[in-house]
């Protein structure tokens, strides 16, 4: 599923606007990118270049793919 579709569905489920979901994702992404946690730093280094940022749509696509792979392996 594409990131924009995931965001739209999330907004619908929670009765909020797509803009609100995107805004909250950006806030969460900014906090996570500044985390001192080595696992978080590794995640962001893998998906972003130095100084670059993911769009909320791309971020949820990556998380969705990772979750599907983990489910296939039985690790989620």
Protein backbone atom coordinates (compact mmCIF):
# COMPACT_ATOMS: atom_id res chain seq x y z
CA UNK A 1 0.00 0.00 0.00
CA UNK A 2 1.29 3.45 -0.83
CA UNK A 3 2.16 5.85 1.97
CA UNK A 4 -0.45 8.41 0.97
CA UNK A 5 -3.12 5.70 1.10
CA UNK A 6 -1.95 4.57 4.54
CA UNK A 7 -2.07 8.15 5.82
CA UNK A 8 -5.51 8.74 4.31
CA UNK A 9 -6.85 5.52 5.86
CA UNK A 10 -5.32 6.39 9.24
CA UNK A 11 -7.00 9.80 9.15
CA UNK A 12 -10.32 8.21 8.26
CA UNK A 13 -10.08 5.61 11.05
CA UNK A 14 -9.24 8.26 13.66
CA UNK A 15 -11.63 10.91 12.38
CA UNK A 16 -8.96 13.50 11.74
CA UNK A 17 -7.62 15.25 8.65
CA UNK A 18 -4.84 13.94 6.46
CA UNK A 19 -2.93 17.12 7.34
CA UNK A 20 -3.16 16.30 11.04
CA UNK A 21 -1.82 12.78 10.51
CA UNK A 22 1.05 14.14 8.40
CA UNK A 23 1.81 16.82 11.02
CA UNK A 24 1.91 14.26 13.84
CA UNK A 25 4.12 11.96 11.76
CA UNK A 26 6.56 14.80 11.11
CA UNK A 27 6.71 15.59 14.83
CA UNK A 28 7.34 11.92 15.68
CA UNK A 29 9.94 11.58 12.93
CA UNK A 30 11.81 14.68 14.13
CA UNK A 31 11.90 13.35 17.68
CA UNK A 32 13.04 9.91 16.52
CA UNK A 33 15.76 11.37 14.30
CA UNK A 34 17.22 13.13 17.34
CA UNK A 35 17.17 10.02 19.51
CA UNK A 36 20.46 8.97 21.12
CA UNK A 37 19.33 5.32 20.86
CA UNK A 38 21.82 3.43 18.65
CA UNK A 39 19.05 1.37 17.02
CA UNK A 40 17.15 4.55 16.09
CA UNK A 41 20.31 6.15 14.73
CA UNK A 42 21.00 3.04 12.66
CA UNK A 43 17.47 3.07 11.24
CA UNK A 44 17.69 6.71 10.17
CA UNK A 45 21.21 6.31 8.76
CA UNK A 46 19.95 3.43 6.62
CA UNK A 47 17.08 5.41 5.10
CA UNK A 48 18.33 8.98 4.97
CA UNK A 49 21.46 10.60 3.71
CA UNK A 50 23.32 13.08 5.79
CA UNK A 51 20.89 15.90 6.48
CA UNK A 52 18.09 14.54 4.32
CA UNK A 53 14.59 13.80 5.57
CA UNK A 54 11.93 11.30 4.59
CA UNK A 55 8.46 12.41 3.71
CA UNK A 56 5.75 11.08 6.01
CA UNK A 57 4.46 9.02 3.07
CA UNK A 58 7.85 7.39 2.46
CA UNK A 59 8.31 6.82 6.19
CA UNK A 60 5.06 4.86 6.54
CA UNK A 61 5.87 2.88 3.39
CA UNK A 62 9.21 1.83 4.90
CA UNK A 63 7.60 0.89 8.22
CA UNK A 64 4.89 -1.06 6.42
CA UNK A 65 7.47 -3.00 4.40
CA UNK A 66 9.53 -3.73 7.52
CA UNK A 67 6.42 -4.93 9.38
CA UNK A 68 5.38 -7.21 6.51
CA UNK A 69 8.85 -8.75 6.34
CA UNK A 70 8.91 -9.26 10.10
CA UNK A 71 5.49 -10.92 9.97
CA UNK A 72 6.68 -13.27 7.23
CA UNK A 73 9.68 -14.23 9.36
CA UNK A 74 7.48 -14.58 12.45
CA UNK A 75 9.41 -11.93 14.32
CA UNK A 76 6.54 -9.48 14.77
